[in-house]
Amino acid sequence: QVKVVESGGGLVQPGGSLRLSCTASGSIFSIDAMGWYRQAPGKERELVGCITSGGEIHYADSMKGRFTISRDNVKNMVYLQMNSLKPVDTAVYYCNGSVGSFRYWGQGTQVTVSS
């Protein structure tokens, strides 16, 4: 069993930056990868990127450039650094942990980009 919790969302002005955090607990050694997703109002959930247990990082093509995923193994934390934010980045951001074909999802954290 894995529990995933996101934090760090909030209101930010266009052009601003925000760093989201994701912490995993439980059977963390069984996690193959941690992923970041987002879901904008009225849209489907989409992949932002992921980091594997081996440290490989992959981004969705549309997310390359402004979003950076990193992790702190000591703290069991994964981060999503978001720069040059735009109103279209407004969404609920989710973190998940992958164990085989199973996904453990967090509750999501709201990011609103608005002036």
C-alpha atoms as a PDB file:
ATOM      1  CA  GLN A   1       0.000   0.000   0.000  1.00  0.00           C
ATOM      2  CA  VAL A   2       1.257   3.455  -0.916  1.00  0.00           C
ATOM      3  CA  LYS A   3      -0.101   6.808   0.149  1.00  0.00           C
ATOM      4  CA  VAL A   4       0.607   9.892  -1.923  1.00  0.00           C
ATOM      5  CA  VAL A   5       0.009  13.474  -0.812  1.00  0.00           C
ATOM      6  CA  GLU A   6       0.536  16.627  -2.868  1.00  0.00           C
ATOM      7  CA  SER A   7       1.046  20.140  -1.557  1.00  0.00           C
ATOM      8  CA  GLY A   8       2.161  23.562  -2.679  1.00  0.00           C
ATOM      9  CA  GLY A   9      -0.678  24.686  -4.897  1.00  0.00           C
ATOM     10  CA  GLY A  10      -2.135  28.143  -4.803  1.00  0.00           C
ATOM     11  CA  LEU A  11      -2.785  31.340  -6.704  1.00  0.00           C
ATOM     12  CA  VAL A  12       0.047  32.753  -8.780  1.00  0.00           C
ATOM     13  CA  GLN A  13       0.230  35.580 -11.274  1.00  0.00           C
ATOM     14  CA  PRO A  14       1.006  34.939 -14.932  1.00  0.00           C
ATOM     15  CA  GLY A  15       4.735  34.652 -15.415  1.00  0.00           C
ATOM     16  CA  GLY A  16       5.247  33.490 -11.857  1.00  0.00           C
ATOM     17  CA  SER A  17       6.636  30.259 -10.496  1.00  0.00           C
ATOM     18  CA  LEU A  18       5.405  27.601  -8.145  1.00  0.00           C
ATOM     19  CA  ARG A  19       6.871  24.409  -6.754  1.00  0.00           C
ATOM     20  CA  LEU A  20       4.620  21.500  -5.946  1.00  0.00           C
ATOM     21  CA  SER A  21       5.659  18.747  -3.594  1.00  0.00           C
ATOM     22  CA  CYS A  22       4.613  15.137  -3.435  1.00  0.00           C
ATOM     23  CA  THR A  23       5.385  12.788  -0.606  1.00  0.00           C
ATOM     24  CA  ALA A  24       4.924   9.047  -0.672  1.00  0.00           C
ATOM     25  CA  SER A  25       4.581   6.794   2.350  1.00  0.00           C
ATOM     26  CA  GLY A  26       3.955   3.140   2.962  1.00  0.00           C
ATOM     27  CA  SER A  27       5.574   0.565   0.680  1.00  0.00           C
ATOM     28  CA  ILE A  28       7.701   3.166  -1.081  1.00  0.00           C
ATOM     29  CA  PHE A  29      10.348   0.658  -2.105  1.00  0.00           C
ATOM     30  CA  SER A  30       7.780  -0.971  -4.385  1.00  0.00           C
ATOM     31  CA  ILE A  31       7.264   2.241  -6.372  1.00  0.00           C
ATOM     32  CA  ASP A  32       8.509   2.035  -9.949  1.00  0.00           C
ATOM     33  CA  ALA A  33       7.892   5.672 -10.829  1.00  0.00           C
ATOM     34  CA  MET A  34       6.272   8.847  -9.568  1.00  0.00           C
ATOM     35  CA  GLY A  35       4.251  10.895 -11.991  1.00  0.00           C
ATOM     36  CA  TRP A  36       2.737  14.346 -12.166  1.00  0.00           C
ATOM     37  CA  TYR A  37      -0.557  14.893 -13.964  1.00  0.00           C
ATOM     38  CA  ARG A  38      -2.951  17.776 -14.237  1.00  0.00           C
ATOM     39  CA  GLN A  39      -6.606  18.227 -15.001  1.00  0.00           C
ATOM     40  CA  ALA A  40      -7.982  21.538 -16.144  1.00  0.00           C
ATOM     41  CA  PRO A  41     -11.688  22.345 -15.813  1.00  0.00           C
ATOM     42  CA  GLY A  42     -13.677  20.491 -18.432  1.00  0.00           C
ATOM     43  CA  LYS A  43     -10.651  18.619 -19.724  1.00  0.00           C
ATOM     44  CA  GLU A  44      -9.192  15.168 -19.310  1.00  0.00           C
ATOM     45  CA  ARG A  45      -6.331  14.482 -16.980  1.00  0.00           C
ATOM     46  CA  GLU A  46      -3.014  14.772 -18.795  1.00  0.00           C
ATOM     47  CA  LEU A  47       0.517  13.714 -18.052  1.00  0.00           C
ATOM     48  CA  VAL A  48       3.037  16.363 -17.085  1.00  0.00           C
ATOM     49  CA  GLY A  49       5.963  14.006 -16.559  1.00  0.00           C
ATOM     50  CA  CYS A  50       7.379  11.287 -14.394  1.00  0.00           C
ATOM     51  CA  ILE A  51      10.528  10.146 -12.654  1.00  0.00           C
ATOM     52  CA  THR A  52      11.444   6.485 -12.427  1.00  0.00           C
ATOM     53  CA  SER A  53      12.956   4.707  -9.473  1.00  0.00           C
ATOM     54  CA  GLY A  54      16.218   4.753 -11.400  1.00  0.00           C
ATOM     55  CA  GLY A  55      16.103   8.529 -11.714  1.00  0.00           C
ATOM     56  CA  GLU A  56      15.087   8.812 -15.348  1.00  0.00           C
ATOM     57  CA  ILE A  57      12.833  11.783 -15.991  1.00  0.00           C
ATOM     58  CA  HIS A  58      10.364  11.997 -18.845  1.00  0.00           C
ATOM     59  CA  TYR A  59       8.114  14.881 -19.827  1.00  0.00           C
ATOM     60  CA  ALA A  60       5.103  15.095 -22.054  1.00  0.00           C
ATOM     61  CA  ASP A  61       6.126  17.004 -25.162  1.00  0.00           C
ATOM     62  CA  SER A  62       3.798  19.885 -24.361  1.00  0.00           C
ATOM     63  CA  MET A  63       5.315  20.250 -20.882  1.00  0.00           C
ATOM     64  CA  LYS A  64       8.970  20.447 -21.859  1.00  0.00           C
ATOM     65  CA  GLY A  65      10.758  23.670 -21.063  1.00  0.00           C
ATOM     66  CA  ARG A  66       8.759  25.245 -18.239  1.00  0.00           C
ATOM     67  CA  PHE A  67       8.284  22.263 -15.939  1.00  0.00           C
ATOM     68  CA  THR A  68      11.012  20.435 -14.042  1.00  0.00           C
ATOM     69  CA  ILE A  69      10.648  17.271 -11.987  1.00  0.00           C
ATOM     70  CA  SER A  70      13.129  16.415  -9.276  1.00  0.00           C
ATOM     71  CA  ARG A  71      13.241  14.321  -6.151  1.00  0.00           C
ATOM     72  CA  ASP A  72      14.816  14.101  -2.727  1.00  0.00           C
ATOM     73  CA  ASN A  73      15.356  10.463  -1.830  1.00  0.00           C
ATOM     74  CA  VAL A  74      16.174  11.252   1.783  1.00  0.00           C
ATOM     75  CA  LYS A  75      12.853  13.006   2.308  1.00  0.00           C
ATOM     76  CA  ASN A  76      10.883  10.691  -0.033  1.00  0.00           C
ATOM     77  CA  MET A  77       9.723  13.765  -1.880  1.00  0.00           C
ATOM     78  CA  VAL A  78       9.158  14.465  -5.558  1.00  0.00           C
ATOM     79  CA  TYR A  79       8.852  18.037  -6.786  1.00  0.00           C
ATOM     80  CA  LEU A  80       7.348  19.781  -9.768  1.00  0.00           C
ATOM     81  CA  GLN A  81       8.909  23.169 -10.430  1.00  0.00           C
ATOM     82  CA  MET A  82       6.729  25.283 -12.702  1.00  0.00           C
ATOM     83  CA  ASN A  83       8.062  28.477 -14.241  1.00  0.00           C
ATOM     84  CA  SER A  84       6.625  31.155 -16.529  1.00  0.00           C
ATOM     85  CA  LEU A  85       3.150  30.058 -15.587  1.00  0.00           C
ATOM     86  CA  LYS A  86       0.241  30.894 -17.844  1.00  0.00           C
ATOM     87  CA  PRO A  87      -3.504  30.986 -17.236  1.00  0.00           C
ATOM     88  CA  VAL A  88      -3.797  27.786 -19.290  1.00  0.00           C
ATOM     89  CA  ASP A  89      -1.748  26.039 -16.604  1.00  0.00           C
ATOM     90  CA  THR A  90      -4.651  26.463 -14.209  1.00  0.00           C
ATOM     91  CA  ALA A  91      -5.602  22.962 -13.122  1.00  0.00           C
ATOM     92  CA  VAL A  92      -5.671  20.477 -10.317  1.00  0.00           C
ATOM     93  CA  TYR A  93      -2.251  18.870 -10.208  1.00  0.00           C
ATOM     94  CA  TYR A  94      -2.002  15.259  -9.156  1.00  0.00           C
ATOM     95  CA  CYS A  95       0.875  13.073  -8.151  1.00  0.00           C
ATOM     96  CA  ASN A  96       0.825   9.308  -8.383  1.00  0.00           C
ATOM     97  CA  GLY A  97       2.997   6.386  -7.507  1.00  0.00           C
ATOM     98  CA  SER A  98       3.192   3.452  -9.887  1.00  0.00           C
ATOM     99  CA  VAL A  99       3.559  -0.077  -8.562  1.00  0.00           C
ATOM    100  CA  GLY A 100       3.439  -2.406 -11.529  1.00  0.00           C
ATOM    101  CA  SER A 101       0.260  -1.539 -13.375  1.00  0.00           C
ATOM    102  CA  PHE A 102      -1.380  -0.008 -10.315  1.00  0.00           C
ATOM    103  CA  ARG A 103      -1.475   3.731  -9.667  1.00  0.00           C
ATOM    104  CA  TYR A 104      -1.775   5.296  -6.232  1.00  0.00           C
ATOM    105  CA  TRP A 105      -3.170   8.792  -6.604  1.00  0.00           C
ATOM    106  CA  GLY A 106      -3.018  11.765  -4.314  1.00  0.00           C
ATOM    107  CA  GLN A 107      -5.970  14.053  -3.708  1.00  0.00           C
ATOM    108  CA  GLY A 108      -4.602  16.780  -5.947  1.00  0.00           C
ATOM    109  CA  THR A 109      -3.602  20.369  -5.342  1.00  0.00           C
ATOM    110  CA  GLN A 110      -5.183  23.358  -7.077  1.00  0.00           C
ATOM    111  CA  VAL A 111      -3.010  25.707  -9.089  1.00  0.00           C
ATOM    112  CA  THR A 112      -4.637  28.890 -10.323  1.00  0.00           C
ATOM    113  CA  VAL A 113      -2.766  31.261 -12.599  1.00  0.00           C
ATOM    114  CA  SER A 114      -4.517  34.597 -12.699  1.00  0.00           C
ATOM    115  CA  SER A 115      -3.872  38.290 -12.313  1.00  0.00           C
END
